[in-house]
Each structure stands twice: as C-alpha cells, then as structure tokens.
Amino acid sequence: MTIQVGDKVPDIELRVMGNDGPQAVRTGELMAGKKVVLFAVPGAFTPTCSAAHLPGFVVDADKIKAKGVDSIICTSVNDAFVMDAWGKAHNADHIVMLADGLGEFAAALGLTQDRTAGQMGIRSQRYAMVIDDGVVSLLNIDEKGLETTSSEAILAAL
C-alpha cells in the first residue's frame, strides 16, 4: 500500500556518505522535528534524474529553504558511494544524498517500480513529498516526466 498524506514516514536505516565512508542514518532521525522536502529518483546518473530532477533542487535549494524547509533530501535505490559521487557531480552540497541501497525505504513507502526488463532491478518511483515532523503533508508521484515532482512544483506547493 502506498503511503498517503497524513501517514508517518517509516523509520528505516539507510546510508549517507560520511568522512570515513558510508554511515547509517535513520529516516526518523532525519525528519524528527523538521520540515523536510524529500524527493526520489529511479537512479543516480540516469538521464532525466541528472539532467533535470536533481539539478532543479540544487538551483532552488535556497528558495525552498526560505519557505521554512529545514532539509532537502534526495533518495534513490543506489549505494552511498554512488549517491555521494552523483551529489558531488551536481554540486548538491545543500541536499542530503540518502542511499536506499536495498530499496527498503521505497518498499516501505509502497513506491517501488520494476525496472528488471532494463536491467535496473527494483527501483524507486519518481516522487516528491513534504514531511512535517515525520508526517507526510504533500505527496506527488510522477509516472513520466517531472510535472508534479520538480523543484518548481514543490516550491509552488510550499
């Protein structure tokens, strides 16, 4: 079942890159007491994700934070090394690059997609949400394109 507005985000252990390599973080800790914009992409370094989705949030990070957002988080079913390299390649210094290496977070949200036909395995759907103290207040899912999950769409909704 897909997570809905009003639901609490599952508390899952994932990874971010730290000074000494991948570090465990819990989604509950990343979101507790904060207003968070979380967006997910099917894969780091993939065409739409790299050409438009992540770069939009990099460009609009200050505007989004000016709307009272404490943290912007990007997640994908990739490991922490890939997420870190992808973030560095796009100067995503103000975005938490959250690795969902096993797809557990995407699965717990009910937001996976099967990309095995293209040799990508089970991936996250493309979505963006606003989370207030761990509770979803906005959820947008795009099956194609970036109509509702772009930084512009989220900025307009804030």
Protein backbone atom coordinates (compact mmCIF):
# COMPACT_ATOMS: atom_id res chain seq x y z
CA MET A 1 0.00 0.00 0.00
CA THR A 2 1.32 3.42 -0.95
CA ILE A 3 1.97 5.94 1.80
CA GLN A 4 -0.65 8.70 1.95
CA VAL A 5 -0.87 12.28 3.15
CA GLY A 6 -1.27 12.15 6.92
CA ASP A 7 0.81 8.96 7.30
CA LYS A 8 4.01 8.81 9.30
CA VAL A 9 7.13 8.10 7.26
CA PRO A 10 8.60 4.67 8.13
CA ASP A 11 11.72 4.75 10.28
CA ILE A 12 14.25 2.84 8.16
CA GLU A 13 18.05 2.62 8.47
CA LEU A 14 19.72 3.90 5.30
CA ARG A 15 23.16 5.32 4.44
CA VAL A 16 24.79 8.67 3.74
CA MET A 17 28.43 9.26 2.98
CA GLY A 18 30.43 10.43 5.97
CA ASN A 19 34.07 11.41 6.37
CA ASP A 20 35.05 7.78 7.00
CA GLY A 21 32.75 6.15 4.45
CA PRO A 22 29.08 5.18 4.48
CA GLN A 23 27.28 5.96 7.74
CA ALA A 24 23.99 4.56 8.96
CA VAL A 25 21.18 7.08 9.48
CA ARG A 26 17.56 6.56 10.37
CA THR A 27 14.86 8.30 8.39
CA GLY A 28 13.02 9.03 11.63
CA GLU A 29 16.00 10.95 12.98
CA LEU A 30 16.47 12.89 9.73
CA MET A 31 12.86 14.09 9.85
CA ALA A 32 12.03 14.44 13.55
CA GLY A 33 11.00 17.97 14.45
CA LYS A 34 11.77 19.27 10.96
CA LYS A 35 10.04 20.33 7.80
CA VAL A 36 11.62 18.23 5.03
CA VAL A 37 11.31 18.07 1.27
CA LEU A 38 12.15 14.54 0.16
CA PHE A 39 12.37 13.62 -3.49
CA ALA A 40 13.18 10.27 -5.04
CA VAL A 41 14.55 9.31 -8.41
CA PRO A 42 14.73 5.93 -10.17
CA GLY A 43 18.51 6.13 -10.44
CA ALA A 44 21.52 8.35 -9.95
CA PHE A 45 23.29 9.34 -13.17
CA THR A 46 20.22 8.42 -15.26
CA PRO A 47 19.14 10.91 -17.97
CA THR A 48 16.10 12.73 -16.54
CA CYS A 49 17.35 12.47 -12.96
CA SER A 50 20.72 14.00 -13.84
CA ALA A 51 19.61 16.49 -16.47
CA ALA A 52 16.63 17.98 -14.64
CA HIS A 53 15.40 16.50 -11.36
CA LEU A 54 18.43 16.82 -9.06
CA PRO A 55 19.75 19.99 -10.75
CA GLY A 56 16.42 21.74 -10.21
CA PHE A 57 16.60 21.13 -6.47
CA VAL A 58 20.23 22.28 -6.42
CA VAL A 59 19.28 25.57 -8.12
CA ASP A 60 16.16 26.10 -5.98
CA ALA A 61 17.55 24.92 -2.61
CA ASP A 62 17.78 28.42 -1.12
CA LYS A 63 14.26 29.34 -2.29
CA ILE A 64 12.86 26.10 -0.85
CA LYS A 65 14.62 26.62 2.47
CA ALA A 66 13.37 30.22 2.55
CA LYS A 67 9.84 28.73 2.68
CA GLY A 68 10.63 27.20 6.07
CA VAL A 69 12.10 23.89 4.93
CA ASP A 70 14.86 22.64 7.22
CA SER A 71 16.25 19.92 4.98
CA ILE A 72 16.11 18.72 1.39
CA ILE A 73 16.72 15.00 0.92
CA CYS A 74 17.26 13.10 -2.32
CA THR A 75 16.91 9.33 -2.23
CA SER A 76 17.40 6.57 -4.76
CA VAL A 77 17.93 2.82 -4.82
CA ASN A 78 21.69 3.23 -5.11
CA ASP A 79 24.56 2.77 -2.68
CA ALA A 80 26.12 5.59 -0.65
CA PHE A 81 29.20 5.74 -2.89
CA VAL A 82 27.06 6.35 -5.99
CA MET A 83 24.80 8.86 -4.24
CA ASP A 84 27.84 10.75 -2.93
CA ALA A 85 29.53 10.86 -6.34
CA TRP A 86 26.29 11.95 -8.01
CA GLY A 87 25.75 14.71 -5.45
CA LYS A 88 29.33 15.96 -5.92
CA ALA A 89 28.93 15.88 -9.72
CA HIS A 90 25.94 18.24 -9.37
CA ASN A 91 27.23 20.45 -6.52
CA ALA A 92 24.39 19.22 -4.30
CA ASP A 93 26.10 20.45 -1.14
CA HIS A 94 22.82 21.56 0.46
CA ILE A 95 20.99 18.31 -0.24
CA VAL A 96 21.20 15.13 1.83
CA MET A 97 22.03 12.34 -0.61
CA LEU A 98 20.30 9.38 1.04
CA ALA A 99 21.18 5.90 -0.24
CA ASP A 100 18.41 3.29 -0.21
CA GLY A 101 20.79 0.57 -1.36
CA LEU A 102 18.41 -2.35 -0.84
CA GLY A 103 15.23 -0.48 -1.77
CA GLU A 104 13.82 -0.97 1.74
CA PHE A 105 12.67 2.62 2.12
CA ALA A 106 10.99 2.69 -1.30
CA ALA A 107 9.29 -0.63 -0.50
CA ALA A 108 8.14 0.55 2.95
CA LEU A 109 6.57 3.60 1.28
CA GLY A 110 4.90 1.40 -1.34
CA LEU A 111 6.69 3.40 -4.03
CA THR A 112 8.76 0.86 -5.95
CA GLN A 113 8.76 0.08 -9.65
CA ASP A 114 10.04 -2.94 -11.52
CA ARG A 115 12.79 -1.98 -13.95
CA THR A 116 14.19 -5.50 -14.35
CA ALA A 117 13.40 -5.52 -18.09
CA GLY A 118 16.00 -2.76 -18.48
CA GLN A 119 18.50 -4.49 -16.15
CA MET A 120 17.92 -1.89 -13.39
CA GLY A 121 16.13 -4.15 -10.91
CA ILE A 122 13.54 -2.88 -8.47
CA ARG A 123 13.81 0.90 -8.16
CA SER A 124 12.02 3.78 -6.54
CA GLN A 125 9.25 5.57 -8.33
CA ARG A 126 9.81 9.26 -9.01
CA TYR A 127 8.10 11.18 -6.23
CA ALA A 128 8.41 14.24 -4.04
CA MET A 129 6.90 14.86 -0.66
CA VAL A 130 6.79 17.44 2.05
CA ILE A 131 7.15 15.97 5.52
CA ASP A 132 6.33 17.82 8.73
CA ASP A 133 7.87 16.22 11.83
CA GLY A 134 7.81 12.80 10.18
CA VAL A 135 4.27 13.06 8.77
CA VAL A 136 3.55 13.41 5.04
CA SER A 137 1.75 16.67 4.27
CA LEU A 138 2.18 16.54 0.46
CA LEU A 139 2.85 13.60 -1.85
CA ASN A 140 3.33 13.95 -5.59
CA ILE A 141 4.14 10.98 -7.82
CA ASP A 142 5.17 11.28 -11.47
CA GLU A 143 4.93 8.25 -13.73
CA LYS A 144 6.50 10.16 -16.62
CA GLY A 145 8.28 13.49 -16.63
CA LEU A 146 8.59 15.94 -13.76
CA GLU A 147 5.22 17.67 -13.76
CA THR A 148 4.49 17.34 -10.04
CA THR A 149 7.85 16.33 -8.57
CA SER A 150 10.15 19.06 -9.87
CA SER A 151 11.65 21.65 -7.56
CA GLU A 152 9.40 24.24 -9.21
CA ALA A 153 6.25 22.21 -8.44
CA ILE A 154 7.29 21.67 -4.83
CA LEU A 155 8.27 25.32 -4.42
CA ALA A 156 4.84 26.37 -5.71
CA ALA A 157 3.13 23.97 -3.26
CA LEU A 158 5.06 25.32 -0.27
